[in-house]
Amino acid sequence: MNHILVYADSLTWGIIPNTRNRLPFDERWPGVVENKLNASGHKLRLIEDCLNGRRTVWDDPFRPGRKGLDGLAQRIEINSPLSLVILMLGTNDFQFSHPYNDAWSAAQGMAVLVNEIRKAPIEPGMPVPPILLVCPPQTRNPRGSMAEKFRGADLKCAGLADAYAQVAASLGCHFFDAQTVTSTSDIDGVHLDADQHLRLGNALSEIVRSILF
């Protein structure tokens, strides 16, 4: 059995745009990946650690515990041995409370997370897992309940995929750009609709298959 940790935010948690509701597991992209690969004869379990509002290395001024770096090493320790860690973060790095963040700074935040994973205090003999960096689809024209929180995010996140790809290459990580298979929701411009989760899950199932099998 292969265990995969998915460390992410609300795009992966499965929030339904413009609501506080959540898509069921089978409709979230981690569920799509798990079900598709298990159905093809590969045994794996995706462990979802997805927190709404999670950043890479920054705090949320209104809600505690949103810095992705905090507790990450312990998540690796708790869930080891792991066959793979999937990191999909960065969207919240462009919220209004981080006016000077850009693609470079978010990518540097991801680099810090990669290094934290690799130095986690896992048990002797357990493998340091490979890491897949997934660049989230670009925020576009935030609207509805996301309009104020993400004002200007569509401009600040320009060039994110290229910045993530450079970090992945320099640190020896796997990389996938979610924008190649899906955009963000037409409803709020930030999150993913159910059909977008399906497209992303189908694409990532092939990436995971190529890494592990």
C-alpha atoms as a PDB file:
ATOM      1  CA  MET A   1       0.000   0.000   0.000  1.00  0.00           C
ATOM      2  CA  ASN A   2       1.363   3.392  -1.037  1.00  0.00           C
ATOM      3  CA  HIS A   3       0.516   6.315   1.231  1.00  0.00           C
ATOM      4  CA  ILE A   4       0.502   9.796  -0.291  1.00  0.00           C
ATOM      5  CA  LEU A   5       0.199  12.982   1.769  1.00  0.00           C
ATOM      6  CA  VAL A   6      -1.604  15.860   0.081  1.00  0.00           C
ATOM      7  CA  TYR A   7      -0.673  19.126   1.790  1.00  0.00           C
ATOM      8  CA  ALA A   8      -2.816  21.908   0.431  1.00  0.00           C
ATOM      9  CA  ASP A   9      -5.506  24.562   0.946  1.00  0.00           C
ATOM     10  CA  SER A  10      -9.173  25.161   0.130  1.00  0.00           C
ATOM     11  CA  LEU A  11      -8.763  24.453  -3.591  1.00  0.00           C
ATOM     12  CA  THR A  12      -8.002  20.844  -2.643  1.00  0.00           C
ATOM     13  CA  TRP A  13     -10.227  20.737   0.471  1.00  0.00           C
ATOM     14  CA  GLY A  14     -13.032  21.050  -2.036  1.00  0.00           C
ATOM     15  CA  ILE A  15     -14.867  24.187  -1.006  1.00  0.00           C
ATOM     16  CA  ILE A  16     -17.795  24.852  -3.331  1.00  0.00           C
ATOM     17  CA  PRO A  17     -17.312  28.367  -4.755  1.00  0.00           C
ATOM     18  CA  ASN A  18     -19.329  31.122  -3.069  1.00  0.00           C
ATOM     19  CA  THR A  19     -20.440  28.742  -0.293  1.00  0.00           C
ATOM     20  CA  ARG A  20     -19.002  27.220   2.883  1.00  0.00           C
ATOM     21  CA  ASN A  21     -19.890  23.716   1.698  1.00  0.00           C
ATOM     22  CA  ARG A  22     -17.543  20.935   0.677  1.00  0.00           C
ATOM     23  CA  LEU A  23     -17.516  18.540  -2.239  1.00  0.00           C
ATOM     24  CA  PRO A  24     -17.596  14.835  -1.255  1.00  0.00           C
ATOM     25  CA  PHE A  25     -14.333  12.874  -1.341  1.00  0.00           C
ATOM     26  CA  ASP A  26     -15.119  11.126  -4.615  1.00  0.00           C
ATOM     27  CA  GLU A  27     -15.518  14.520  -6.328  1.00  0.00           C
ATOM     28  CA  ARG A  28     -12.408  16.172  -4.882  1.00  0.00           C
ATOM     29  CA  TRP A  29      -9.268  15.693  -6.951  1.00  0.00           C
ATOM     30  CA  PRO A  30      -7.491  13.544  -4.294  1.00  0.00           C
ATOM     31  CA  GLY A  31     -10.497  11.210  -4.336  1.00  0.00           C
ATOM     32  CA  VAL A  32     -10.421  11.075  -8.119  1.00  0.00           C
ATOM     33  CA  VAL A  33      -6.726  10.121  -8.029  1.00  0.00           C
ATOM     34  CA  GLU A  34      -7.194   7.476  -5.349  1.00  0.00           C
ATOM     35  CA  ASN A  35     -10.245   5.890  -6.958  1.00  0.00           C
ATOM     36  CA  LYS A  36      -8.823   5.879 -10.467  1.00  0.00           C
ATOM     37  CA  LEU A  37      -5.503   4.302  -9.528  1.00  0.00           C
ATOM     38  CA  ASN A  38      -7.039   1.776  -7.155  1.00  0.00           C
ATOM     39  CA  ALA A  39      -9.478   0.769  -9.886  1.00  0.00           C
ATOM     40  CA  SER A  40      -6.523   0.102 -12.192  1.00  0.00           C
ATOM     41  CA  GLY A  41      -4.974  -2.287  -9.681  1.00  0.00           C
ATOM     42  CA  HIS A  42      -2.589   0.030  -7.845  1.00  0.00           C
ATOM     43  CA  LYS A  43      -3.000   0.115  -4.077  1.00  0.00           C
ATOM     44  CA  LEU A  44      -2.729   3.576  -2.640  1.00  0.00           C
ATOM     45  CA  ARG A  45      -4.310   5.881  -0.083  1.00  0.00           C
ATOM     46  CA  LEU A  46      -4.319   9.659  -0.297  1.00  0.00           C
ATOM     47  CA  ILE A  47      -4.143  11.391   3.082  1.00  0.00           C
ATOM     48  CA  GLU A  48      -5.712  14.842   2.820  1.00  0.00           C
ATOM     49  CA  ASP A  49      -4.218  17.592   4.978  1.00  0.00           C
ATOM     50  CA  CYS A  50      -5.960  20.566   3.428  1.00  0.00           C
ATOM     51  CA  LEU A  51      -6.637  23.734   5.412  1.00  0.00           C
ATOM     52  CA  ASN A  52      -8.699  26.629   4.116  1.00  0.00           C
ATOM     53  CA  GLY A  53      -6.590  29.776   3.917  1.00  0.00           C
ATOM     54  CA  ARG A  54      -3.254  27.979   4.276  1.00  0.00           C
ATOM     55  CA  ARG A  55      -0.262  29.955   3.011  1.00  0.00           C
ATOM     56  CA  THR A  56       3.270  28.732   2.379  1.00  0.00           C
ATOM     57  CA  VAL A  57       5.288  30.589   5.039  1.00  0.00           C
ATOM     58  CA  TRP A  58       3.080  33.552   5.996  1.00  0.00           C
ATOM     59  CA  ASP A  59       0.545  34.075   8.763  1.00  0.00           C
ATOM     60  CA  ASP A  60      -3.093  35.046   8.337  1.00  0.00           C
ATOM     61  CA  PRO A  61      -3.682  38.215  10.402  1.00  0.00           C
ATOM     62  CA  PHE A  62      -7.247  37.148  11.239  1.00  0.00           C
ATOM     63  CA  ARG A  63      -7.047  33.360  11.640  1.00  0.00           C
ATOM     64  CA  PRO A  64      -4.227  31.516  13.422  1.00  0.00           C
ATOM     65  CA  GLY A  65      -2.567  28.384  12.152  1.00  0.00           C
ATOM     66  CA  ARG A  66      -2.552  29.167   8.425  1.00  0.00           C
ATOM     67  CA  LYS A  67       1.236  29.176   7.944  1.00  0.00           C
ATOM     68  CA  GLY A  68       2.013  26.033   5.999  1.00  0.00           C
ATOM     69  CA  LEU A  69       5.463  25.705   7.495  1.00  0.00           C
ATOM     70  CA  ASP A  70       4.139  25.307  11.042  1.00  0.00           C
ATOM     71  CA  GLY A  71       3.785  21.657  11.973  1.00  0.00           C
ATOM     72  CA  LEU A  72       4.710  20.341   8.526  1.00  0.00           C
ATOM     73  CA  ALA A  73       7.623  18.231   9.753  1.00  0.00           C
ATOM     74  CA  GLN A  74       5.322  16.622  12.317  1.00  0.00           C
ATOM     75  CA  ARG A  75       2.755  15.843   9.589  1.00  0.00           C
ATOM     76  CA  ILE A  76       5.468  13.944   7.759  1.00  0.00           C
ATOM     77  CA  GLU A  77       6.467  12.146  10.945  1.00  0.00           C
ATOM     78  CA  ILE A  78       2.855  11.257  11.793  1.00  0.00           C
ATOM     79  CA  ASN A  79       2.044   9.788   8.401  1.00  0.00           C
ATOM     80  CA  SER A  80       5.343   8.086   7.534  1.00  0.00           C
ATOM     81  CA  PRO A  81       6.307   5.974   5.779  1.00  0.00           C
ATOM     82  CA  LEU A  82       5.132   7.970   2.761  1.00  0.00           C
ATOM     83  CA  SER A  83       5.554   7.102  -0.900  1.00  0.00           C
ATOM     84  CA  LEU A  84       4.945  10.682  -2.075  1.00  0.00           C
ATOM     85  CA  VAL A  85       4.072  14.161  -0.809  1.00  0.00           C
ATOM     86  CA  ILE A  86       1.987  16.416  -3.035  1.00  0.00           C
ATOM     87  CA  LEU A  87       2.240  20.139  -2.284  1.00  0.00           C
ATOM     88  CA  MET A  88      -0.363  22.423  -3.845  1.00  0.00           C
ATOM     89  CA  LEU A  89      -0.188  25.814  -2.166  1.00  0.00           C
ATOM     90  CA  GLY A  90       0.376  29.438  -3.087  1.00  0.00           C
ATOM     91  CA  THR A  91      -3.051  30.868  -3.881  1.00  0.00           C
ATOM     92  CA  ASN A  92      -3.468  32.374  -0.419  1.00  0.00           C
ATOM     93  CA  ASP A  93      -0.012  33.946  -0.552  1.00  0.00           C
ATOM     94  CA  PHE A  94      -1.661  36.574  -2.776  1.00  0.00           C
ATOM     95  CA  GLN A  95      -4.408  37.638  -0.394  1.00  0.00           C
ATOM     96  CA  PHE A  96      -4.806  41.344   0.426  1.00  0.00           C
ATOM     97  CA  SER A  97      -2.769  40.974   3.613  1.00  0.00           C
ATOM     98  CA  HIS A  98       0.390  40.201   1.592  1.00  0.00           C
ATOM     99  CA  PRO A  99       0.527  43.208  -0.769  1.00  0.00           C
ATOM    100  CA  TYR A 100       4.169  42.740  -1.776  1.00  0.00           C
ATOM    101  CA  ASN A 101       4.047  39.017  -2.553  1.00  0.00           C
ATOM    102  CA  ASP A 102       4.607  37.900  -6.111  1.00  0.00           C
ATOM    103  CA  ALA A 103       5.288  34.659  -7.987  1.00  0.00           C
ATOM    104  CA  TRP A 104       8.927  34.617  -6.876  1.00  0.00           C
ATOM    105  CA  SER A 105       8.067  34.956  -3.183  1.00  0.00           C
ATOM    106  CA  ALA A 106       5.441  32.197  -3.312  1.00  0.00           C
ATOM    107  CA  ALA A 107       7.913  29.910  -5.076  1.00  0.00           C
ATOM    108  CA  GLN A 108      10.505  30.631  -2.397  1.00  0.00           C
ATOM    109  CA  GLY A 109       7.882  29.734   0.211  1.00  0.00           C
ATOM    110  CA  MET A 110       7.381  26.388  -1.513  1.00  0.00           C
ATOM    111  CA  ALA A 111      11.140  25.826  -1.454  1.00  0.00           C
ATOM    112  CA  VAL A 112      11.116  26.288   2.321  1.00  0.00           C
ATOM    113  CA  LEU A 113       8.358  23.676   2.612  1.00  0.00           C
ATOM    114  CA  VAL A 114      10.289  21.195   0.469  1.00  0.00           C
ATOM    115  CA  ASN A 115      13.344  21.551   2.685  1.00  0.00           C
ATOM    116  CA  GLU A 116      11.205  21.151   5.806  1.00  0.00           C
ATOM    117  CA  ILE A 117       9.764  17.891   4.472  1.00  0.00           C
ATOM    118  CA  ARG A 118      13.237  16.556   3.755  1.00  0.00           C
ATOM    119  CA  LYS A 119      14.515  17.189   7.267  1.00  0.00           C
ATOM    120  CA  ALA A 120      11.434  15.856   9.088  1.00  0.00           C
ATOM    121  CA  PRO A 121      12.258  13.564  12.058  1.00  0.00           C
ATOM    122  CA  ILE A 122      11.012  10.310  10.552  1.00  0.00           C
ATOM    123  CA  GLU A 123      11.940   6.935  12.047  1.00  0.00           C
ATOM    124  CA  PRO A 124      15.322   5.419  11.099  1.00  0.00           C
ATOM    125  CA  GLY A 125      15.126   3.431   7.892  1.00  0.00           C
ATOM    126  CA  MET A 126      11.973   5.124   6.620  1.00  0.00           C
ATOM    127  CA  PRO A 127      12.350   6.784   3.220  1.00  0.00           C
ATOM    128  CA  VAL A 128      12.410  10.524   2.624  1.00  0.00           C
ATOM    129  CA  PRO A 129       9.478  10.759   0.206  1.00  0.00           C
ATOM    130  CA  PRO A 130       9.686  12.272  -3.258  1.00  0.00           C
ATOM    131  CA  ILE A 131       7.765  15.528  -3.637  1.00  0.00           C
ATOM    132  CA  LEU A 132       5.391  16.668  -6.364  1.00  0.00           C
ATOM    133  CA  LEU A 133       4.920  20.441  -6.580  1.00  0.00           C
ATOM    134  CA  VAL A 134       1.573  21.331  -8.133  1.00  0.00           C
ATOM    135  CA  CYS A 135       1.162  24.937  -9.189  1.00  0.00           C
ATOM    136  CA  PRO A 136      -2.474  25.959  -8.631  1.00  0.00           C
ATOM    137  CA  PRO A 137      -4.401  27.446 -11.554  1.00  0.00           C
ATOM    138  CA  GLN A 138      -4.112  31.190 -11.833  1.00  0.00           C
ATOM    139  CA  THR A 139      -6.525  33.338  -9.854  1.00  0.00           C
ATOM    140  CA  ARG A 140      -8.619  35.369 -12.280  1.00  0.00           C
ATOM    141  CA  ASN A 141     -10.822  38.361 -11.561  1.00  0.00           C
ATOM    142  CA  PRO A 142     -11.767  37.440  -7.965  1.00  0.00           C
ATOM    143  CA  ARG A 143     -15.471  38.031  -7.408  1.00  0.00           C
ATOM    144  CA  GLY A 144     -18.369  37.238  -5.135  1.00  0.00           C
ATOM    145  CA  SER A 145     -17.292  36.435  -1.580  1.00  0.00           C
ATOM    146  CA  MET A 146     -13.633  36.323  -2.689  1.00  0.00           C
ATOM    147  CA  ALA A 147     -13.508  39.800  -4.252  1.00  0.00           C
ATOM    148  CA  GLU A 148     -12.110  41.780  -1.316  1.00  0.00           C
ATOM    149  CA  LYS A 149      -9.915  39.068   0.154  1.00  0.00           C
ATOM    150  CA  PHE A 150      -8.160  38.430  -3.171  1.00  0.00           C
ATOM    151  CA  ARG A 151      -8.193  41.892  -4.710  1.00  0.00           C
ATOM    152  CA  GLY A 152      -5.217  42.198  -7.038  1.00  0.00           C
ATOM    153  CA  ALA A 153      -4.304  38.526  -6.712  1.00  0.00           C
ATOM    154  CA  ASP A 154      -4.746  37.921 -10.431  1.00  0.00           C
ATOM    155  CA  LEU A 155      -1.924  40.392 -11.098  1.00  0.00           C
ATOM    156  CA  LYS A 156       0.356  39.344  -8.234  1.00  0.00           C
ATOM    157  CA  CYS A 157       0.329  35.665  -9.221  1.00  0.00           C
ATOM    158  CA  ALA A 158       1.509  36.279 -12.793  1.00  0.00           C
ATOM    159  CA  GLY A 159       4.352  33.935 -13.723  1.00  0.00           C
ATOM    160  CA  LEU A 160       3.661  31.497 -10.876  1.00  0.00           C
ATOM    161  CA  ALA A 161       4.041  28.312 -12.925  1.00  0.00           C
ATOM    162  CA  ASP A 162       7.446  29.341 -14.267  1.00  0.00           C
ATOM    163  CA  ALA A 163       8.640  30.270 -10.771  1.00  0.00           C
ATOM    164  CA  TYR A 164       7.455  26.936  -9.348  1.00  0.00           C
ATOM    165  CA  ALA A 165       9.031  25.001 -12.204  1.00  0.00           C
ATOM    166  CA  GLN A 166      12.375  26.648 -11.487  1.00  0.00           C
ATOM    167  CA  VAL A 167      12.164  25.758  -7.794  1.00  0.00           C
ATOM    168  CA  ALA A 168      11.152  22.178  -8.594  1.00  0.00           C
ATOM    169  CA  ALA A 169      14.071  21.783 -10.987  1.00  0.00           C
ATOM    170  CA  SER A 170      16.590  23.272  -8.566  1.00  0.00           C
ATOM    171  CA  LEU A 171      15.435  21.055  -5.685  1.00  0.00           C
ATOM    172  CA  GLY A 172      14.915  17.852  -7.651  1.00  0.00           C
ATOM    173  CA  CYS A 173      11.122  17.723  -7.233  1.00  0.00           C
ATOM    174  CA  HIS A 174       8.452  16.581  -9.645  1.00  0.00           C
ATOM    175  CA  PHE A 175       6.313  19.384 -11.071  1.00  0.00           C
ATOM    176  CA  PHE A 176       2.874  19.839 -12.601  1.00  0.00           C
ATOM    177  CA  ASP A 177       1.086  23.023 -13.668  1.00  0.00           C
ATOM    178  CA  ALA A 178      -2.645  22.657 -12.949  1.00  0.00           C
ATOM    179  CA  GLN A 179      -3.366  25.503 -15.374  1.00  0.00           C
ATOM    180  CA  THR A 180      -2.535  23.139 -18.237  1.00  0.00           C
ATOM    181  CA  VAL A 181      -5.719  21.174 -17.572  1.00  0.00           C
ATOM    182  CA  THR A 182      -8.090  23.566 -15.791  1.00  0.00           C
ATOM    183  CA  SER A 183      -8.758  27.188 -14.915  1.00  0.00           C
ATOM    184  CA  THR A 184     -10.322  28.425 -11.701  1.00  0.00           C
ATOM    185  CA  SER A 185     -14.073  28.651 -11.205  1.00  0.00           C
ATOM    186  CA  ASP A 186     -16.149  31.136 -13.202  1.00  0.00           C
ATOM    187  CA  ILE A 187     -18.119  31.691  -9.999  1.00  0.00           C
ATOM    188  CA  ASP A 188     -15.404  33.166  -7.754  1.00  0.00           C
ATOM    189  CA  GLY A 189     -12.207  33.099  -9.824  1.00  0.00           C
ATOM    190  CA  VAL A 190     -10.259  31.384  -7.023  1.00  0.00           C
ATOM    191  CA  HIS A 191     -11.526  27.875  -6.272  1.00  0.00           C
ATOM    192  CA  LEU A 192     -12.408  24.814  -8.348  1.00  0.00           C
ATOM    193  CA  ASP A 193     -15.782  23.544  -9.522  1.00  0.00           C
ATOM    194  CA  ALA A 194     -16.571  19.829  -9.469  1.00  0.00           C
ATOM    195  CA  ASP A 195     -15.747  19.340 -13.162  1.00  0.00           C
ATOM    196  CA  GLN A 196     -12.424  21.099 -12.622  1.00  0.00           C
ATOM    197  CA  HIS A 197     -11.570  18.774  -9.738  1.00  0.00           C
ATOM    198  CA  LEU A 198     -12.297  15.875 -12.074  1.00  0.00           C
ATOM    199  CA  ARG A 199     -10.000  17.187 -14.800  1.00  0.00           C
ATOM    200  CA  LEU A 200      -7.204  17.873 -12.338  1.00  0.00           C
ATOM    201  CA  GLY A 201      -7.639  14.498 -10.642  1.00  0.00           C
ATOM    202  CA  ASN A 202      -7.500  12.641 -13.945  1.00  0.00           C
ATOM    203  CA  ALA A 203      -4.320  14.469 -14.931  1.00  0.00           C
ATOM    204  CA  LEU A 204      -2.629  13.981 -11.565  1.00  0.00           C
ATOM    205  CA  SER A 205      -3.491  10.292 -11.507  1.00  0.00           C
ATOM    206  CA  GLU A 206      -1.256   9.878 -14.552  1.00  0.00           C
ATOM    207  CA  ILE A 207       1.522  11.927 -12.953  1.00  0.00           C
ATOM    208  CA  VAL A 208       1.342   9.874  -9.734  1.00  0.00           C
ATOM    209  CA  ARG A 209       1.296   6.649 -11.770  1.00  0.00           C
ATOM    210  CA  SER A 210       4.454   7.713 -13.574  1.00  0.00           C
ATOM    211  CA  ILE A 211       6.217   8.523 -10.281  1.00  0.00           C
ATOM    212  CA  LEU A 212       5.257   5.444  -8.285  1.00  0.00           C
ATOM    213  CA  PHE A 213       4.521   2.613 -10.715  1.00  0.00           C
END
